[in-house]
Amino acid sequence: MAQAAAVTGSKHDITSILKHQITRSTNGVISLAPGIARRILDECKFHGQRQCKPFRANEHLMRINKGTWNDQFPITFAHLPDGQLWLVDGQHRCDAISQAGRTVGVRINVMEAATEYEARRIYAGFDRPEQNRTHNEMLDGLDAYDSTGLKRDTVRCLFRALPLILNNMEIARSNQLESAHARSVETRIDMLSSWVKEATAYEQIVQQAEPALKRPLYGSAVMAVALYTFRHQPARAREFWSGVCGLADDLHKDDPRQRLMWDLLNRNLSSGHVRQGVQMASIAWSKWFNGDRIKMIKCHEGSPIVILGTPLAKGNK
């Protein structure tokens, strides 16, 4: 991987600016100013380059602001024979620096490309789906299981449930900038330890449930509601979720806990039904909390999520 020996251009174009900075760098790490980062985004783009995703840039901006930014993760360019530089990797890192309000250290790599086709092949070599680290692999690398004292399944489910908890029990979608914090990997890593108490209480109950119940109880939707109830109503949450797990004797068939147990065993709560899972659990909890019995848990699309005894007692809308 070449540095910028062959990068040429006029004194004020972005190619020459970067070349000058690289020649003065420490092992390829330069101090990149926000204005130069913005010029890179504007002047080194090419047809077919993906659009920046704000929530991904925000991940990097959080690392900069927290002091956990690593300047060894590079921004990489393809250098074409006519002197053009194409930004082929590091677009979101560059976007974050452009918003940082100060210079940020970052390694710059420049790869020679004899043709535009070769430059596109270089670009295509980054971020292949099979190369992306999974959340589970990341949690393994963070030693999140030993540090929290929780079982592996509990930590993994907690990590998936946090976006719902942080986004008022709604799905945090990638095209919604206002929910970017809830999707943020950095935020979730920081928040794991603050939910260990609730996750431990839930884990102790779920581990006693029958195997067929454990899988839906460890779904992100159900666990999000469970942890939220343990946070705000710990004693009543223990009673409720013990009943859902089949640990209470002689539940009436119309007891909301019994109804939720049956629904968890029989309804499809795959990824496309996450909000329905939140609704089921919150309806059952609220009916039980209010002392009501129910013959069926009815989920109406778009209706507010109400969790009695918590800050969402009046709904999340």
C-alpha atoms as a PDB file:
ATOM      1  CA  MET A   1       0.000   0.000   0.000  1.00  0.00           C
ATOM      2  CA  ALA A   2       1.731   3.157  -1.196  1.00  0.00           C
ATOM      3  CA  GLN A   3       1.759   6.492   0.570  1.00  0.00           C
ATOM      4  CA  ALA A   4       1.421   9.649  -1.525  1.00  0.00           C
ATOM      5  CA  ALA A   5       4.746   9.732  -3.406  1.00  0.00           C
ATOM      6  CA  ALA A   6       3.054  10.036  -6.787  1.00  0.00           C
ATOM      7  CA  VAL A   7       0.278  12.428  -5.741  1.00  0.00           C
ATOM      8  CA  THR A   8       0.549  15.668  -7.677  1.00  0.00           C
ATOM      9  CA  GLY A   9      -1.556  18.719  -8.473  1.00  0.00           C
ATOM     10  CA  SER A  10      -1.722  22.520  -8.191  1.00  0.00           C
ATOM     11  CA  LYS A  11      -0.801  24.202  -4.918  1.00  0.00           C
ATOM     12  CA  HIS A  12      -4.327  24.697  -3.629  1.00  0.00           C
ATOM     13  CA  ASP A  13      -6.132  21.588  -4.833  1.00  0.00           C
ATOM     14  CA  ILE A  14      -6.964  18.858  -2.384  1.00  0.00           C
ATOM     15  CA  THR A  15      -4.394  16.474  -3.915  1.00  0.00           C
ATOM     16  CA  SER A  16      -1.501  18.828  -3.244  1.00  0.00           C
ATOM     17  CA  ILE A  17      -2.768  19.748   0.207  1.00  0.00           C
ATOM     18  CA  LEU A  18      -2.886  16.094   1.215  1.00  0.00           C
ATOM     19  CA  LYS A  19       0.499  15.356  -0.342  1.00  0.00           C
ATOM     20  CA  HIS A  20       2.045  18.217   1.634  1.00  0.00           C
ATOM     21  CA  GLN A  21       0.452  16.985   4.853  1.00  0.00           C
ATOM     22  CA  ILE A  22       1.542  13.395   4.291  1.00  0.00           C
ATOM     23  CA  THR A  23       5.186  14.401   3.686  1.00  0.00           C
ATOM     24  CA  ARG A  24       5.112  16.153   7.078  1.00  0.00           C
ATOM     25  CA  SER A  25       3.197  13.350   8.826  1.00  0.00           C
ATOM     26  CA  THR A  26       4.246  10.956  11.545  1.00  0.00           C
ATOM     27  CA  ASN A  27       4.063   7.506   9.957  1.00  0.00           C
ATOM     28  CA  GLY A  28       1.215   8.612   7.698  1.00  0.00           C
ATOM     29  CA  VAL A  29      -0.896  10.160  10.486  1.00  0.00           C
ATOM     30  CA  ILE A  30      -1.872  13.755   9.744  1.00  0.00           C
ATOM     31  CA  SER A  31      -3.863  16.385  11.617  1.00  0.00           C
ATOM     32  CA  LEU A  32      -6.964  16.762   9.481  1.00  0.00           C
ATOM     33  CA  ALA A  33      -8.932  19.999   9.842  1.00  0.00           C
ATOM     34  CA  PRO A  34     -12.753  19.992   9.509  1.00  0.00           C
ATOM     35  CA  GLY A  35     -12.606  22.234   6.440  1.00  0.00           C
ATOM     36  CA  ILE A  36     -10.175  19.943   4.645  1.00  0.00           C
ATOM     37  CA  ALA A  37     -12.303  16.942   5.578  1.00  0.00           C
ATOM     38  CA  ARG A  38     -15.323  18.665   4.014  1.00  0.00           C
ATOM     39  CA  ARG A  39     -13.303  19.401   0.850  1.00  0.00           C
ATOM     40  CA  ILE A  40     -12.313  15.733   0.646  1.00  0.00           C
ATOM     41  CA  LEU A  41     -15.979  14.729   0.762  1.00  0.00           C
ATOM     42  CA  ASP A  42     -16.864  17.297  -1.906  1.00  0.00           C
ATOM     43  CA  GLU A  43     -13.848  16.978  -4.226  1.00  0.00           C
ATOM     44  CA  CYS A  44     -12.851  13.314  -3.941  1.00  0.00           C
ATOM     45  CA  LYS A  45     -16.248  11.774  -4.581  1.00  0.00           C
ATOM     46  CA  PHE A  46     -17.000   9.797  -7.720  1.00  0.00           C
ATOM     47  CA  HIS A  47     -19.968   8.393  -9.588  1.00  0.00           C
ATOM     48  CA  GLY A  48     -21.318   5.331  -7.808  1.00  0.00           C
ATOM     49  CA  GLN A  49     -19.938   6.250  -4.392  1.00  0.00           C
ATOM     50  CA  ARG A  50     -22.453   5.467  -1.656  1.00  0.00           C
ATOM     51  CA  GLN A  51     -24.248   8.202   0.233  1.00  0.00           C
ATOM     52  CA  CYS A  52     -23.093   8.966   3.759  1.00  0.00           C
ATOM     53  CA  LYS A  53     -25.299   7.514   6.479  1.00  0.00           C
ATOM     54  CA  PRO A  54     -25.627  10.106   9.281  1.00  0.00           C
ATOM     55  CA  PHE A  55     -25.897   7.537  12.058  1.00  0.00           C
ATOM     56  CA  ARG A  56     -22.589   5.941  10.993  1.00  0.00           C
ATOM     57  CA  ALA A  57     -20.805   9.294  10.881  1.00  0.00           C
ATOM     58  CA  ASN A  58     -22.277  10.035  14.310  1.00  0.00           C
ATOM     59  CA  GLU A  59     -20.666   6.859  15.679  1.00  0.00           C
ATOM     60  CA  HIS A  60     -17.248   8.223  14.735  1.00  0.00           C
ATOM     61  CA  LEU A  61     -18.078  11.721  15.986  1.00  0.00           C
ATOM     62  CA  MET A  62     -18.974  10.231  19.376  1.00  0.00           C
ATOM     63  CA  ARG A  63     -15.568   8.528  19.513  1.00  0.00           C
ATOM     64  CA  ILE A  64     -13.843  11.818  18.709  1.00  0.00           C
ATOM     65  CA  ASN A  65     -15.764  13.656  21.436  1.00  0.00           C
ATOM     66  CA  LYS A  66     -15.261  10.864  24.000  1.00  0.00           C
ATOM     67  CA  GLY A  67     -11.526  10.586  23.339  1.00  0.00           C
ATOM     68  CA  THR A  68     -11.771   6.976  22.122  1.00  0.00           C
ATOM     69  CA  TRP A  69     -10.975   7.823  18.481  1.00  0.00           C
ATOM     70  CA  ASN A  70      -8.133   5.721  17.057  1.00  0.00           C
ATOM     71  CA  ASP A  71      -6.010   7.630  14.541  1.00  0.00           C
ATOM     72  CA  GLN A  72      -4.652   4.396  13.080  1.00  0.00           C
ATOM     73  CA  PHE A  73      -7.950   3.570  11.322  1.00  0.00           C
ATOM     74  CA  PRO A  74      -7.193   5.063   7.893  1.00  0.00           C
ATOM     75  CA  ILE A  75      -8.919   7.158   5.314  1.00  0.00           C
ATOM     76  CA  THR A  76      -7.944   5.601   2.003  1.00  0.00           C
ATOM     77  CA  PHE A  77      -7.753   7.131  -1.478  1.00  0.00           C
ATOM     78  CA  ALA A  78      -7.240   5.702  -4.941  1.00  0.00           C
ATOM     79  CA  HIS A  79      -4.830   7.854  -6.973  1.00  0.00           C
ATOM     80  CA  LEU A  80      -5.525   7.861 -10.719  1.00  0.00           C
ATOM     81  CA  PRO A  81      -2.991   8.652 -13.462  1.00  0.00           C
ATOM     82  CA  ASP A  82      -4.604  12.047 -14.182  1.00  0.00           C
ATOM     83  CA  GLY A  83      -3.980  13.129 -10.576  1.00  0.00           C
ATOM     84  CA  GLN A  84      -7.499  12.609  -9.244  1.00  0.00           C
ATOM     85  CA  LEU A  85      -7.969  11.229  -5.753  1.00  0.00           C
ATOM     86  CA  TRP A  86     -11.024   9.078  -5.083  1.00  0.00           C
ATOM     87  CA  LEU A  87     -12.132   8.558  -1.516  1.00  0.00           C
ATOM     88  CA  VAL A  88     -12.548   4.771  -1.465  1.00  0.00           C
ATOM     89  CA  ASP A  89     -12.738   4.115   2.282  1.00  0.00           C
ATOM     90  CA  GLY A  90     -13.277   6.267   5.362  1.00  0.00           C
ATOM     91  CA  GLN A  91     -16.165   8.369   4.070  1.00  0.00           C
ATOM     92  CA  HIS A  92     -17.987   8.306   7.412  1.00  0.00           C
ATOM     93  CA  ARG A  93     -14.786   8.984   9.368  1.00  0.00           C
ATOM     94  CA  CYS A  94     -14.146  11.969   7.117  1.00  0.00           C
ATOM     95  CA  ASP A  95     -17.705  13.211   7.605  1.00  0.00           C
ATOM     96  CA  ALA A  96     -17.289  12.965  11.391  1.00  0.00           C
ATOM     97  CA  ILE A  97     -14.060  15.000  11.282  1.00  0.00           C
ATOM     98  CA  SER A  98     -15.810  17.655   9.174  1.00  0.00           C
ATOM     99  CA  GLN A  99     -18.291  18.081  12.060  1.00  0.00           C
ATOM    100  CA  ALA A 100     -15.779  17.845  14.903  1.00  0.00           C
ATOM    101  CA  GLY A 101     -14.951  21.545  15.206  1.00  0.00           C
ATOM    102  CA  ARG A 102     -11.212  20.825  15.607  1.00  0.00           C
ATOM    103  CA  THR A 103      -8.370  19.036  13.888  1.00  0.00           C
ATOM    104  CA  VAL A 104      -8.306  15.274  14.330  1.00  0.00           C
ATOM    105  CA  GLY A 105      -5.433  12.861  13.842  1.00  0.00           C
ATOM    106  CA  VAL A 106      -6.017  10.239  11.158  1.00  0.00           C
ATOM    107  CA  ARG A 107      -3.881   7.953   9.021  1.00  0.00           C
ATOM    108  CA  ILE A 108      -4.011   8.605   5.272  1.00  0.00           C
ATOM    109  CA  ASN A 109      -3.386   5.816   2.777  1.00  0.00           C
ATOM    110  CA  VAL A 110      -3.065   6.370  -0.961  1.00  0.00           C
ATOM    111  CA  MET A 111      -3.283   3.408  -3.322  1.00  0.00           C
ATOM    112  CA  GLU A 112      -2.195   3.712  -6.948  1.00  0.00           C
ATOM    113  CA  ALA A 113      -4.842   2.805  -9.561  1.00  0.00           C
ATOM    114  CA  ALA A 114      -3.819   2.525 -13.204  1.00  0.00           C
ATOM    115  CA  THR A 115      -7.427   2.955 -14.428  1.00  0.00           C
ATOM    116  CA  GLU A 116     -10.837   4.003 -13.154  1.00  0.00           C
ATOM    117  CA  TYR A 117     -11.855   0.345 -13.262  1.00  0.00           C
ATOM    118  CA  GLU A 118      -8.977  -0.537 -10.948  1.00  0.00           C
ATOM    119  CA  ALA A 119      -9.995   2.314  -8.611  1.00  0.00           C
ATOM    120  CA  ARG A 120     -13.524   0.918  -8.496  1.00  0.00           C
ATOM    121  CA  ARG A 121     -12.177  -2.545  -7.719  1.00  0.00           C
ATOM    122  CA  ILE A 122     -10.259  -1.047  -4.791  1.00  0.00           C
ATOM    123  CA  TYR A 123     -13.438   0.663  -3.600  1.00  0.00           C
ATOM    124  CA  ALA A 124     -15.423  -2.568  -3.913  1.00  0.00           C
ATOM    125  CA  GLY A 125     -12.848  -4.384  -1.786  1.00  0.00           C
ATOM    126  CA  PHE A 126     -13.859  -2.467   1.348  1.00  0.00           C
ATOM    127  CA  ASP A 127     -16.901  -3.201   3.537  1.00  0.00           C
ATOM    128  CA  ARG A 128     -17.934  -6.495   1.957  1.00  0.00           C
ATOM    129  CA  PRO A 129     -20.815  -7.991   3.964  1.00  0.00           C
ATOM    130  CA  GLU A 130     -18.904 -11.145   4.824  1.00  0.00           C
ATOM    131  CA  GLN A 131     -16.098  -9.029   6.303  1.00  0.00           C
ATOM    132  CA  ASN A 132     -18.256  -6.999   8.671  1.00  0.00           C
ATOM    133  CA  ARG A 133     -17.779  -7.897  12.307  1.00  0.00           C
ATOM    134  CA  THR A 134     -21.014  -9.093  13.887  1.00  0.00           C
ATOM    135  CA  HIS A 135     -22.317  -7.669  17.144  1.00  0.00           C
ATOM    136  CA  ASN A 136     -21.706 -11.017  18.789  1.00  0.00           C
ATOM    137  CA  GLU A 137     -18.072 -11.029  17.675  1.00  0.00           C
ATOM    138  CA  MET A 138     -17.688  -7.467  18.916  1.00  0.00           C
ATOM    139  CA  LEU A 139     -19.158  -8.365  22.329  1.00  0.00           C
ATOM    140  CA  ASP A 140     -16.764 -11.305  22.491  1.00  0.00           C
ATOM    141  CA  GLY A 141     -13.878  -8.934  21.806  1.00  0.00           C
ATOM    142  CA  LEU A 142     -15.049  -6.531  24.526  1.00  0.00           C
ATOM    143  CA  ASP A 143     -15.197  -9.370  27.074  1.00  0.00           C
ATOM    144  CA  ALA A 144     -18.718  -8.143  27.835  1.00  0.00           C
ATOM    145  CA  TYR A 145     -19.767 -11.441  29.412  1.00  0.00           C
ATOM    146  CA  ASP A 146     -17.140 -11.571  32.141  1.00  0.00           C
ATOM    147  CA  SER A 147     -17.289  -7.824  32.804  1.00  0.00           C
ATOM    148  CA  THR A 148     -21.069  -7.868  33.382  1.00  0.00           C
ATOM    149  CA  GLY A 149     -21.331 -11.273  35.028  1.00  0.00           C
ATOM    150  CA  LEU A 150     -24.246 -12.101  32.730  1.00  0.00           C
ATOM    151  CA  LYS A 151     -24.692 -15.144  30.546  1.00  0.00           C
ATOM    152  CA  ARG A 152     -23.779 -14.823  26.881  1.00  0.00           C
ATOM    153  CA  ASP A 153     -27.412 -14.985  25.691  1.00  0.00           C
ATOM    154  CA  THR A 154     -28.449 -12.302  28.171  1.00  0.00           C
ATOM    155  CA  VAL A 155     -25.727  -9.863  27.091  1.00  0.00           C
ATOM    156  CA  ARG A 156     -26.488 -10.394  23.418  1.00  0.00           C
ATOM    157  CA  CYS A 157     -30.201  -9.835  23.940  1.00  0.00           C
ATOM    158  CA  LEU A 158     -29.581  -6.783  26.143  1.00  0.00           C
ATOM    159  CA  PHE A 159     -27.458  -5.286  23.366  1.00  0.00           C
ATOM    160  CA  ARG A 160     -30.312  -5.821  20.883  1.00  0.00           C
ATOM    161  CA  ALA A 161     -32.950  -4.531  23.319  1.00  0.00           C
ATOM    162  CA  LEU A 162     -31.191  -1.252  24.161  1.00  0.00           C
ATOM    163  CA  PRO A 163     -32.177   0.567  20.921  1.00  0.00           C
ATOM    164  CA  LEU A 164     -35.837   0.025  21.832  1.00  0.00           C
ATOM    165  CA  ILE A 165     -35.339   1.196  25.408  1.00  0.00           C
ATOM    166  CA  LEU A 166     -33.400   4.262  24.262  1.00  0.00           C
ATOM    167  CA  ASN A 167     -35.968   5.103  21.588  1.00  0.00           C
ATOM    168  CA  ASN A 168     -39.149   5.093  23.715  1.00  0.00           C
ATOM    169  CA  MET A 169     -39.904   1.470  22.813  1.00  0.00           C
ATOM    170  CA  GLU A 170     -40.001   2.190  19.084  1.00  0.00           C
ATOM    171  CA  ILE A 171     -37.786   0.629  16.419  1.00  0.00           C
ATOM    172  CA  ALA A 172     -34.731   2.836  15.808  1.00  0.00           C
ATOM    173  CA  ARG A 173     -34.569   2.962  12.019  1.00  0.00           C
ATOM    174  CA  SER A 174     -31.405   3.809  10.100  1.00  0.00           C
ATOM    175  CA  ASN A 175     -33.129   6.522   8.027  1.00  0.00           C
ATOM    176  CA  GLN A 176     -34.283   8.442  11.111  1.00  0.00           C
ATOM    177  CA  LEU A 177     -31.574  10.810  12.316  1.00  0.00           C
ATOM    178  CA  GLU A 178     -33.407  11.495  15.589  1.00  0.00           C
ATOM    179  CA  SER A 179     -33.038   7.845  16.601  1.00  0.00           C
ATOM    180  CA  ALA A 180     -29.355   7.583  15.632  1.00  0.00           C
ATOM    181  CA  HIS A 181     -28.276   7.645  19.303  1.00  0.00           C
ATOM    182  CA  ALA A 182     -30.440   4.601  19.994  1.00  0.00           C
ATOM    183  CA  ARG A 183     -28.847   2.593  17.163  1.00  0.00           C
ATOM    184  CA  SER A 184     -25.363   3.758  18.085  1.00  0.00           C
ATOM    185  CA  VAL A 185     -22.981   0.921  18.923  1.00  0.00           C
ATOM    186  CA  GLU A 186     -20.930   3.317  21.059  1.00  0.00           C
ATOM    187  CA  THR A 187     -23.991   4.333  23.065  1.00  0.00           C
ATOM    188  CA  ARG A 188     -25.019   0.738  23.623  1.00  0.00           C
ATOM    189  CA  ILE A 189     -21.532  -0.289  24.739  1.00  0.00           C
ATOM    190  CA  ASP A 190     -21.553   2.572  27.250  1.00  0.00           C
ATOM    191  CA  MET A 191     -25.068   1.687  28.454  1.00  0.00           C
ATOM    192  CA  LEU A 192     -24.541  -2.058  28.983  1.00  0.00           C
ATOM    193  CA  SER A 193     -23.226  -1.706  32.516  1.00  0.00           C
ATOM    194  CA  SER A 194     -26.077   0.584  33.599  1.00  0.00           C
ATOM    195  CA  TRP A 195     -28.648  -2.162  32.870  1.00  0.00           C
ATOM    196  CA  VAL A 196     -26.806  -5.078  34.493  1.00  0.00           C
ATOM    197  CA  LYS A 197     -28.949  -4.984  37.662  1.00  0.00           C
ATOM    198  CA  GLU A 198     -32.212  -5.315  35.706  1.00  0.00           C
ATOM    199  CA  ALA A 199     -30.763  -7.853  33.285  1.00  0.00           C
ATOM    200  CA  THR A 200     -29.509  -9.984  36.179  1.00  0.00           C
ATOM    201  CA  ALA A 201     -32.958 -10.037  37.809  1.00  0.00           C
ATOM    202  CA  TYR A 202     -34.585 -10.989  34.514  1.00  0.00           C
ATOM    203  CA  GLU A 203     -31.970 -13.632  33.737  1.00  0.00           C
ATOM    204  CA  GLN A 204     -32.503 -15.333  37.093  1.00  0.00           C
ATOM    205  CA  ILE A 205     -36.186 -15.786  36.288  1.00  0.00           C
ATOM    206  CA  VAL A 206     -35.883 -16.711  32.612  1.00  0.00           C
ATOM    207  CA  GLN A 207     -33.286 -19.390  33.344  1.00  0.00           C
ATOM    208  CA  GLN A 208     -36.023 -21.280  35.233  1.00  0.00           C
ATOM    209  CA  ALA A 209     -38.458 -21.230  32.304  1.00  0.00           C
ATOM    210  CA  GLU A 210     -39.043 -24.154  29.981  1.00  0.00           C
ATOM    211  CA  PRO A 211     -36.712 -24.207  26.950  1.00  0.00           C
ATOM    212  CA  ALA A 212     -39.557 -23.395  24.532  1.00  0.00           C
ATOM    213  CA  LEU A 213     -40.215 -20.153  26.410  1.00  0.00           C
ATOM    214  CA  LYS A 214     -36.623 -18.988  26.731  1.00  0.00           C
ATOM    215  CA  ARG A 215     -36.222 -18.074  23.066  1.00  0.00           C
ATOM    216  CA  PRO A 216     -39.158 -15.621  22.872  1.00  0.00           C
ATOM    217  CA  LEU A 217     -38.358 -14.275  26.346  1.00  0.00           C
ATOM    218  CA  TYR A 218     -34.872 -13.446  25.058  1.00  0.00           C
ATOM    219  CA  GLY A 219     -36.291 -11.612  22.049  1.00  0.00           C
ATOM    220  CA  SER A 220     -35.305  -7.945  21.951  1.00  0.00           C
ATOM    221  CA  ALA A 221     -38.924  -6.687  22.154  1.00  0.00           C
ATOM    222  CA  VAL A 222     -39.961  -8.698  25.197  1.00  0.00           C
ATOM    223  CA  MET A 223     -36.686  -8.129  26.994  1.00  0.00           C
ATOM    224  CA  ALA A 224     -36.866  -4.368  26.399  1.00  0.00           C
ATOM    225  CA  VAL A 225     -40.251  -4.211  28.148  1.00  0.00           C
ATOM    226  CA  ALA A 226     -39.068  -6.557  30.892  1.00  0.00           C
ATOM    227  CA  LEU A 227     -35.968  -4.501  31.683  1.00  0.00           C
ATOM    228  CA  TYR A 228     -37.995  -1.292  31.639  1.00  0.00           C
ATOM    229  CA  THR A 229     -40.429  -2.745  34.194  1.00  0.00           C
ATOM    230  CA  PHE A 230     -37.576  -3.998  36.366  1.00  0.00           C
ATOM    231  CA  ARG A 231     -36.058  -0.504  36.275  1.00  0.00           C
ATOM    232  CA  HIS A 232     -39.242   1.244  37.435  1.00  0.00           C
ATOM    233  CA  GLN A 233     -41.211  -1.465  39.315  1.00  0.00           C
ATOM    234  CA  PRO A 234     -38.665  -4.103  40.438  1.00  0.00           C
ATOM    235  CA  ALA A 235     -40.830  -5.958  42.964  1.00  0.00           C
ATOM    236  CA  ARG A 236     -43.905  -6.122  40.761  1.00  0.00           C
ATOM    237  CA  ALA A 237     -41.780  -6.958  37.727  1.00  0.00           C
ATOM    238  CA  ARG A 238     -40.376  -9.990  39.504  1.00  0.00           C
ATOM    239  CA  GLU A 239     -43.917 -11.174  40.276  1.00  0.00           C
ATOM    240  CA  PHE A 240     -45.150 -10.535  36.740  1.00  0.00           C
ATOM    241  CA  TRP A 241     -42.279 -12.138  34.833  1.00  0.00           C
ATOM    242  CA  SER A 242     -42.159 -15.119  37.212  1.00  0.00           C
ATOM    243  CA  GLY A 243     -45.774 -15.757  36.223  1.00  0.00           C
ATOM    244  CA  VAL A 244     -44.991 -15.399  32.512  1.00  0.00           C
ATOM    245  CA  CYS A 245     -42.183 -17.935  32.936  1.00  0.00           C
ATOM    246  CA  GLY A 246     -44.589 -20.420  34.476  1.00  0.00           C
ATOM    247  CA  LEU A 247     -43.200 -20.149  38.000  1.00  0.00           C
ATOM    248  CA  ALA A 248     -46.479 -19.072  39.622  1.00  0.00           C
ATOM    249  CA  ASP A 249     -49.005 -21.710  40.723  1.00  0.00           C
ATOM    250  CA  ASP A 250     -52.510 -22.063  39.251  1.00  0.00           C
ATOM    251  CA  LEU A 251     -52.749 -18.954  37.075  1.00  0.00           C
ATOM    252  CA  HIS A 252     -56.261 -18.269  35.814  1.00  0.00           C
ATOM    253  CA  LYS A 253     -56.532 -18.746  32.058  1.00  0.00           C
ATOM    254  CA  ASP A 254     -57.440 -15.056  31.681  1.00  0.00           C
ATOM    255  CA  ASP A 255     -54.556 -13.847  33.824  1.00  0.00           C
ATOM    256  CA  PRO A 256     -52.516 -11.518  31.541  1.00  0.00           C
ATOM    257  CA  ARG A 257     -49.373 -13.421  32.486  1.00  0.00           C
ATOM    258  CA  GLN A 258     -50.895 -16.677  31.268  1.00  0.00           C
ATOM    259  CA  ARG A 259     -52.111 -15.015  28.072  1.00  0.00           C
ATOM    260  CA  LEU A 260     -48.669 -13.576  27.379  1.00  0.00           C
ATOM    261  CA  MET A 261     -47.059 -16.959  27.984  1.00  0.00           C
ATOM    262  CA  TRP A 262     -49.370 -18.597  25.440  1.00  0.00           C
ATOM    263  CA  ASP A 263     -48.819 -15.834  22.920  1.00  0.00           C
ATOM    264  CA  LEU A 264     -45.049 -16.055  23.249  1.00  0.00           C
ATOM    265  CA  LEU A 265     -45.252 -19.766  22.542  1.00  0.00           C
ATOM    266  CA  ASN A 266     -47.581 -19.413  19.560  1.00  0.00           C
ATOM    267  CA  ARG A 267     -47.101 -16.050  17.844  1.00  0.00           C
ATOM    268  CA  ASN A 268     -44.385 -15.296  15.302  1.00  0.00           C
ATOM    269  CA  LEU A 269     -42.100 -12.668  16.828  1.00  0.00           C
ATOM    270  CA  SER A 270     -39.457 -12.573  14.122  1.00  0.00           C
ATOM    271  CA  SER A 271     -37.572  -9.384  13.241  1.00  0.00           C
ATOM    272  CA  GLY A 272     -40.499  -8.080  11.219  1.00  0.00           C
ATOM    273  CA  HIS A 273     -42.780  -8.219  14.264  1.00  0.00           C
ATOM    274  CA  VAL A 274     -40.640  -6.396  16.822  1.00  0.00           C
ATOM    275  CA  ARG A 275     -43.187  -3.689  17.563  1.00  0.00           C
ATOM    276  CA  GLN A 276     -45.897  -6.312  17.976  1.00  0.00           C
ATOM    277  CA  GLY A 277     -43.707  -8.010  20.549  1.00  0.00           C
ATOM    278  CA  VAL A 278     -43.349  -4.735  22.451  1.00  0.00           C
ATOM    279  CA  GLN A 279     -47.117  -4.253  22.285  1.00  0.00           C
ATOM    280  CA  MET A 280     -47.894  -7.775  23.510  1.00  0.00           C
ATOM    281  CA  ALA A 281     -45.610  -7.507  26.507  1.00  0.00           C
ATOM    282  CA  SER A 282     -46.656  -3.954  27.426  1.00  0.00           C
ATOM    283  CA  ILE A 283     -50.409  -4.716  27.083  1.00  0.00           C
ATOM    284  CA  ALA A 284     -50.117  -7.814  29.261  1.00  0.00           C
ATOM    285  CA  TRP A 285     -48.060  -5.947  31.859  1.00  0.00           C
ATOM    286  CA  SER A 286     -50.434  -2.966  31.990  1.00  0.00           C
ATOM    287  CA  LYS A 287     -53.546  -5.145  32.254  1.00  0.00           C
ATOM    288  CA  TRP A 288     -51.974  -7.169  35.060  1.00  0.00           C
ATOM    289  CA  PHE A 289     -50.643  -4.025  36.779  1.00  0.00           C
ATOM    290  CA  ASN A 290     -54.196  -2.644  36.751  1.00  0.00           C
ATOM    291  CA  GLY A 291     -55.664  -5.880  38.129  1.00  0.00           C
ATOM    292  CA  ASP A 292     -57.563  -6.753  34.923  1.00  0.00           C
ATOM    293  CA  ARG A 293     -58.119 -10.083  33.216  1.00  0.00           C
ATOM    294  CA  ILE A 294     -58.071 -10.511  29.444  1.00  0.00           C
ATOM    295  CA  LYS A 295     -59.240 -13.159  27.010  1.00  0.00           C
ATOM    296  CA  MET A 296     -56.921 -12.029  24.206  1.00  0.00           C
ATOM    297  CA  ILE A 297     -53.978  -9.692  23.696  1.00  0.00           C
ATOM    298  CA  LYS A 298     -55.004  -7.420  20.824  1.00  0.00           C
ATOM    299  CA  CYS A 299     -52.254  -5.446  19.098  1.00  0.00           C
ATOM    300  CA  HIS A 300     -53.374  -2.515  16.947  1.00  0.00           C
ATOM    301  CA  GLU A 301     -50.845  -1.191  14.461  1.00  0.00           C
ATOM    302  CA  GLY A 302     -49.594   2.280  15.341  1.00  0.00           C
ATOM    303  CA  SER A 303     -51.239   2.462  18.767  1.00  0.00           C
ATOM    304  CA  PRO A 304     -49.118   4.014  21.551  1.00  0.00           C
ATOM    305  CA  ILE A 305     -46.970   1.818  23.767  1.00  0.00           C
ATOM    306  CA  VAL A 306     -48.326   2.118  27.316  1.00  0.00           C
ATOM    307  CA  ILE A 307     -46.442   0.605  30.271  1.00  0.00           C
ATOM    308  CA  LEU A 308     -48.238   1.370  33.522  1.00  0.00           C
ATOM    309  CA  GLY A 309     -46.142   2.228  36.568  1.00  0.00           C
ATOM    310  CA  THR A 310     -43.338   3.659  34.406  1.00  0.00           C
ATOM    311  CA  PRO A 311     -42.607   6.940  32.600  1.00  0.00           C
ATOM    312  CA  LEU A 312     -44.555   5.469  29.664  1.00  0.00           C
ATOM    313  CA  ALA A 313     -47.745   5.136  31.710  1.00  0.00           C
ATOM    314  CA  LYS A 314     -49.452   7.671  29.417  1.00  0.00           C
ATOM    315  CA  GLY A 315     -47.987   6.255  26.218  1.00  0.00           C
ATOM    316  CA  ASN A 316     -44.958   6.959  24.089  1.00  0.00           C
ATOM    317  CA  LYS A 317     -46.626   9.206  21.511  1.00  0.00           C
END
